[in-house]
Amino acid sequence: MIMTTSQNLDHKEVKKYLGIVTGEAILGANIFKDFFAGIRDIVGGRSGAYEKELQSARKLAFEEMEMKADSVGANAIIAIDIDYETIGANGSMLMVSVSGTAVLAE
């Protein structure tokens, strides 16, 4: 499946617009990851634990969106938007939502 943030597909023509498709993932970081991430933030390093959580959530959201596009007969998703948000008590959970337009392209 071709997926892009652009409105166009190079060397392909959109033959049919099949609607908006979305994917969401909400993941919580466990207490040990939170603790060590807090220490790294204090000393100025990168938080590998949060980076892994973010990558995992983004991958899940994209997989869900792709499955929805496939179910309506799309072979591409254009104009993808990716949003990140922390939710829950003290921002303890990470939400990634993606949306785009499912299309049939040739």
N, C-alpha and C. Protein backbone atom coordinates (compact mmCIF):
# COMPACT_ATOMS: atom_id res chain seq x y z
N MET A 1 0.85 -1.18 0.00
CA MET A 1 0.00 0.00 0.00
C MET A 1 0.89 1.24 0.00
N ILE A 2 0.65 2.13 -0.93
CA ILE A 2 1.38 3.41 -0.96
C ILE A 2 0.74 4.33 0.07
N MET A 3 1.56 4.94 0.92
CA MET A 3 1.06 5.89 1.91
C MET A 3 1.93 7.14 1.84
N THR A 4 1.27 8.31 1.78
CA THR A 4 2.02 9.55 1.66
C THR A 4 1.28 10.70 2.33
N THR A 5 2.05 11.68 2.78
CA THR A 5 1.45 12.89 3.34
C THR A 5 1.08 13.87 2.24
N SER A 6 1.54 13.63 1.03
CA SER A 6 1.24 14.56 -0.07
C SER A 6 -0.16 14.29 -0.61
N GLN A 7 -0.66 15.25 -1.39
CA GLN A 7 -1.99 15.14 -2.00
C GLN A 7 -1.95 14.37 -3.32
N ASN A 8 -0.74 14.14 -3.83
CA ASN A 8 -0.58 13.52 -5.15
C ASN A 8 0.33 12.30 -5.07
N LEU A 9 0.21 11.47 -6.08
CA LEU A 9 1.10 10.31 -6.22
C LEU A 9 1.89 10.48 -7.50
N ASP A 10 3.20 10.54 -7.39
CA ASP A 10 4.03 10.68 -8.58
C ASP A 10 3.83 9.50 -9.53
N HIS A 11 3.66 9.80 -10.79
CA HIS A 11 3.54 8.80 -11.86
C HIS A 11 2.31 7.91 -11.72
N LYS A 12 1.34 8.35 -10.94
CA LYS A 12 0.09 7.61 -10.80
C LYS A 12 -1.06 8.60 -10.84
N GLU A 13 -2.21 8.11 -11.27
CA GLU A 13 -3.41 8.95 -11.32
C GLU A 13 -4.45 8.37 -10.37
N VAL A 14 -5.03 9.23 -9.55
CA VAL A 14 -6.10 8.80 -8.66
C VAL A 14 -7.36 8.59 -9.50
N LYS A 15 -7.84 7.37 -9.50
CA LYS A 15 -9.03 7.02 -10.28
C LYS A 15 -10.31 7.14 -9.46
N LYS A 16 -10.19 6.90 -8.14
CA LYS A 16 -11.38 6.92 -7.31
C LYS A 16 -11.00 7.26 -5.87
N TYR A 17 -11.76 8.17 -5.26
CA TYR A 17 -11.59 8.50 -3.85
C TYR A 17 -12.56 7.63 -3.06
N LEU A 18 -12.03 6.92 -2.07
CA LEU A 18 -12.83 5.94 -1.35
C LEU A 18 -13.18 6.36 0.08
N GLY A 19 -12.78 7.54 0.48
CA GLY A 19 -13.16 8.05 1.79
C GLY A 19 -11.99 8.18 2.74
N ILE A 20 -12.28 8.77 3.87
CA ILE A 20 -11.28 8.99 4.91
C ILE A 20 -11.12 7.72 5.73
N VAL A 21 -9.87 7.39 6.00
CA VAL A 21 -9.57 6.24 6.87
C VAL A 21 -8.71 6.75 8.03
N THR A 22 -8.84 6.08 9.17
CA THR A 22 -8.13 6.52 10.38
C THR A 22 -7.51 5.33 11.10
N GLY A 23 -6.58 5.63 11.96
CA GLY A 23 -6.00 4.64 12.84
C GLY A 23 -5.60 5.33 14.13
N GLU A 24 -5.83 4.66 15.24
CA GLU A 24 -5.47 5.23 16.53
C GLU A 24 -4.77 4.17 17.37
N ALA A 25 -3.88 4.65 18.21
CA ALA A 25 -3.22 3.76 19.17
C ALA A 25 -2.98 4.56 20.45
N ILE A 26 -3.32 3.95 21.56
CA ILE A 26 -3.07 4.56 22.86
C ILE A 26 -2.25 3.58 23.67
N LEU A 27 -1.08 4.02 24.10
CA LEU A 27 -0.18 3.16 24.86
C LEU A 27 0.23 3.86 26.14
N GLY A 28 0.35 3.09 27.20
CA GLY A 28 0.84 3.64 28.46
C GLY A 28 2.26 3.18 28.70
N ALA A 29 3.07 4.07 29.21
CA ALA A 29 4.44 3.70 29.58
C ALA A 29 4.40 3.21 31.02
N ASN A 30 5.12 2.13 31.30
CA ASN A 30 5.06 1.61 32.66
C ASN A 30 5.87 2.47 33.62
N ILE A 31 5.70 2.23 34.89
CA ILE A 31 6.28 3.09 35.92
C ILE A 31 7.80 3.13 35.88
N PHE A 32 8.47 2.01 35.55
CA PHE A 32 9.93 2.01 35.51
C PHE A 32 10.44 2.84 34.33
N LYS A 33 9.77 2.73 33.20
CA LYS A 33 10.15 3.55 32.05
C LYS A 33 9.96 5.03 32.38
N ASP A 34 8.83 5.36 33.04
CA ASP A 34 8.58 6.75 33.43
C ASP A 34 9.68 7.26 34.35
N PHE A 35 10.07 6.44 35.31
CA PHE A 35 11.09 6.85 36.27
C PHE A 35 12.42 7.13 35.58
N PHE A 36 12.87 6.19 34.75
CA PHE A 36 14.15 6.37 34.08
C PHE A 36 14.10 7.48 33.02
N ALA A 37 12.95 7.65 32.38
CA ALA A 37 12.81 8.76 31.43
C ALA A 37 12.93 10.08 32.16
N GLY A 38 12.35 10.17 33.35
CA GLY A 38 12.46 11.39 34.14
C GLY A 38 13.89 11.70 34.51
N ILE A 39 14.66 10.70 34.85
CA ILE A 39 16.08 10.90 35.19
C ILE A 39 16.83 11.39 33.96
N ARG A 40 16.59 10.79 32.80
CA ARG A 40 17.27 11.21 31.58
C ARG A 40 16.91 12.65 31.22
N ASP A 41 15.64 13.02 31.46
CA ASP A 41 15.24 14.39 31.16
C ASP A 41 16.00 15.37 32.04
N ILE A 42 16.27 15.00 33.27
CA ILE A 42 16.99 15.87 34.21
C ILE A 42 18.43 16.06 33.75
N VAL A 43 19.07 15.00 33.30
CA VAL A 43 20.49 15.11 32.91
C VAL A 43 20.66 15.46 31.44
N GLY A 44 19.58 15.63 30.71
CA GLY A 44 19.68 16.13 29.34
C GLY A 44 19.86 15.09 28.27
N GLY A 45 19.58 13.83 28.53
CA GLY A 45 19.73 12.80 27.51
C GLY A 45 18.43 12.53 26.78
N ARG A 46 18.48 11.62 25.85
CA ARG A 46 17.28 11.19 25.13
C ARG A 46 16.60 10.10 25.93
N SER A 47 15.29 10.02 25.78
CA SER A 47 14.53 8.99 26.46
C SER A 47 14.22 7.85 25.51
N GLY A 48 15.07 6.83 25.53
CA GLY A 48 14.88 5.67 24.66
C GLY A 48 13.57 4.95 24.91
N ALA A 49 13.14 4.91 26.18
CA ALA A 49 11.88 4.23 26.52
C ALA A 49 10.71 4.92 25.83
N TYR A 50 10.65 6.23 25.91
CA TYR A 50 9.55 6.95 25.27
C TYR A 50 9.65 6.89 23.75
N GLU A 51 10.85 6.92 23.21
CA GLU A 51 11.01 6.82 21.77
C GLU A 51 10.48 5.49 21.27
N LYS A 52 10.76 4.41 22.00
CA LYS A 52 10.25 3.09 21.60
C LYS A 52 8.72 3.05 21.68
N GLU A 53 8.15 3.63 22.74
CA GLU A 53 6.69 3.66 22.89
C GLU A 53 6.07 4.45 21.73
N LEU A 54 6.67 5.58 21.40
CA LEU A 54 6.17 6.42 20.32
C LEU A 54 6.22 5.67 18.99
N GLN A 55 7.32 5.01 18.71
CA GLN A 55 7.46 4.24 17.47
C GLN A 55 6.42 3.12 17.41
N SER A 56 6.21 2.46 18.53
CA SER A 56 5.25 1.36 18.58
C SER A 56 3.82 1.87 18.34
N ALA A 57 3.46 2.96 18.99
CA ALA A 57 2.12 3.52 18.83
C ALA A 57 1.89 3.97 17.39
N ARG A 58 2.88 4.63 16.79
CA ARG A 58 2.76 5.10 15.41
C ARG A 58 2.59 3.92 14.46
N LYS A 59 3.37 2.87 14.66
CA LYS A 59 3.28 1.67 13.81
C LYS A 59 1.88 1.04 13.90
N LEU A 60 1.35 0.92 15.11
CA LEU A 60 0.02 0.35 15.30
C LEU A 60 -1.05 1.20 14.63
N ALA A 61 -0.96 2.52 14.76
CA ALA A 61 -1.95 3.41 14.15
C ALA A 61 -1.92 3.29 12.63
N PHE A 62 -0.71 3.25 12.05
CA PHE A 62 -0.59 3.11 10.60
C PHE A 62 -1.12 1.75 10.12
N GLU A 63 -0.85 0.70 10.87
CA GLU A 63 -1.35 -0.63 10.50
C GLU A 63 -2.87 -0.65 10.50
N GLU A 64 -3.49 -0.03 11.51
CA GLU A 64 -4.96 0.02 11.58
C GLU A 64 -5.53 0.80 10.39
N MET A 65 -4.92 1.94 10.08
CA MET A 65 -5.40 2.75 8.96
C MET A 65 -5.26 1.99 7.64
N GLU A 66 -4.14 1.29 7.47
CA GLU A 66 -3.92 0.52 6.25
C GLU A 66 -4.95 -0.60 6.11
N MET A 67 -5.29 -1.27 7.20
CA MET A 67 -6.31 -2.33 7.15
C MET A 67 -7.67 -1.77 6.73
N LYS A 68 -8.00 -0.59 7.25
CA LYS A 68 -9.27 0.04 6.88
C LYS A 68 -9.28 0.43 5.40
N ALA A 69 -8.17 0.95 4.91
CA ALA A 69 -8.08 1.32 3.50
C ALA A 69 -8.20 0.08 2.62
N ASP A 70 -7.53 -0.98 3.01
CA ASP A 70 -7.59 -2.24 2.26
C ASP A 70 -9.03 -2.77 2.22
N SER A 71 -9.76 -2.61 3.31
CA SER A 71 -11.12 -3.15 3.38
C SER A 71 -12.09 -2.42 2.45
N VAL A 72 -11.75 -1.20 2.02
CA VAL A 72 -12.61 -0.48 1.07
C VAL A 72 -12.07 -0.55 -0.36
N GLY A 73 -11.02 -1.35 -0.58
CA GLY A 73 -10.49 -1.57 -1.91
C GLY A 73 -9.43 -0.57 -2.36
N ALA A 74 -8.85 0.16 -1.43
CA ALA A 74 -7.83 1.15 -1.78
C ALA A 74 -6.48 0.48 -2.01
N ASN A 75 -5.66 1.12 -2.85
CA ASN A 75 -4.27 0.67 -3.00
C ASN A 75 -3.29 1.77 -2.60
N ALA A 76 -3.86 2.89 -2.08
CA ALA A 76 -3.01 3.99 -1.61
C ALA A 76 -3.79 4.84 -0.61
N ILE A 77 -3.04 5.54 0.23
CA ILE A 77 -3.62 6.52 1.15
C ILE A 77 -2.83 7.81 0.96
N ILE A 78 -3.55 8.89 0.65
CA ILE A 78 -2.89 10.18 0.42
C ILE A 78 -3.31 11.17 1.52
N ALA A 79 -2.58 12.28 1.58
CA ALA A 79 -2.86 13.38 2.50
C ALA A 79 -2.92 12.91 3.95
N ILE A 80 -1.97 12.07 4.34
CA ILE A 80 -1.94 11.53 5.69
C ILE A 80 -1.54 12.62 6.69
N ASP A 81 -2.28 12.67 7.79
CA ASP A 81 -1.99 13.57 8.91
C ASP A 81 -1.69 12.72 10.13
N ILE A 82 -0.63 13.06 10.84
CA ILE A 82 -0.22 12.32 12.04
C ILE A 82 -0.31 13.27 13.22
N ASP A 83 -1.03 12.86 14.26
CA ASP A 83 -1.16 13.67 15.47
C ASP A 83 -0.70 12.87 16.68
N TYR A 84 -0.03 13.56 17.61
CA TYR A 84 0.45 12.96 18.85
C TYR A 84 -0.15 13.73 20.02
N GLU A 85 -0.53 13.01 21.06
CA GLU A 85 -1.11 13.66 22.23
C GLU A 85 -0.83 12.82 23.47
N THR A 86 -0.60 13.47 24.58
CA THR A 86 -0.53 12.74 25.84
C THR A 86 -1.87 12.90 26.52
N ILE A 87 -2.35 11.81 27.12
CA ILE A 87 -3.64 11.84 27.81
C ILE A 87 -3.50 11.10 29.12
N GLY A 88 -4.54 11.12 29.92
CA GLY A 88 -4.53 10.42 31.19
C GLY A 88 -3.95 11.28 32.30
N ALA A 89 -3.96 10.73 33.50
CA ALA A 89 -3.43 11.42 34.66
C ALA A 89 -1.96 11.74 34.45
N ASN A 90 -1.62 12.99 34.56
CA ASN A 90 -0.23 13.45 34.39
C ASN A 90 0.36 13.08 33.03
N GLY A 91 -0.47 12.97 32.02
CA GLY A 91 0.03 12.64 30.68
C GLY A 91 0.68 11.28 30.63
N SER A 92 0.11 10.32 31.34
CA SER A 92 0.74 9.01 31.47
C SER A 92 0.52 8.09 30.28
N MET A 93 -0.31 8.51 29.34
CA MET A 93 -0.55 7.68 28.16
C MET A 93 -0.27 8.49 26.90
N LEU A 94 0.13 7.78 25.88
CA LEU A 94 0.46 8.40 24.60
C LEU A 94 -0.55 7.98 23.56
N MET A 95 -1.11 8.95 22.86
CA MET A 95 -2.06 8.65 21.80
C MET A 95 -1.48 9.13 20.47
N VAL A 96 -1.53 8.25 19.49
CA VAL A 96 -1.14 8.61 18.13
C VAL A 96 -2.37 8.36 17.27
N SER A 97 -2.76 9.37 16.51
CA SER A 97 -3.86 9.18 15.57
C SER A 97 -3.40 9.60 14.18
N VAL A 98 -3.79 8.81 13.21
CA VAL A 98 -3.44 9.09 11.82
C VAL A 98 -4.73 9.07 11.00
N SER A 99 -4.77 9.90 9.98
CA SER A 99 -5.92 9.90 9.08
C SER A 99 -5.44 10.27 7.69
N GLY A 100 -6.16 9.80 6.71
CA GLY A 100 -5.81 10.08 5.32
C GLY A 100 -6.97 9.72 4.41
N THR A 101 -6.79 9.94 3.14
CA THR A 101 -7.81 9.63 2.16
C THR A 101 -7.42 8.36 1.41
N ALA A 102 -8.30 7.37 1.50
CA ALA A 102 -8.09 6.11 0.78
C ALA A 102 -8.46 6.32 -0.68
N VAL A 103 -7.57 5.88 -1.58
CA VAL A 103 -7.81 6.06 -3.01
C VAL A 103 -7.46 4.79 -3.79
N LEU A 104 -8.01 4.73 -4.98
CA LEU A 104 -7.62 3.72 -5.94
C LEU A 104 -6.84 4.45 -7.02
N ALA A 105 -5.57 4.08 -7.17
CA ALA A 105 -4.70 4.77 -8.11
C ALA A 105 -4.14 3.79 -9.14
N GLU A 106 -3.89 4.31 -10.36
CA GLU A 106 -3.29 3.50 -11.43
C GLU A 106 -2.10 4.22 -12.01
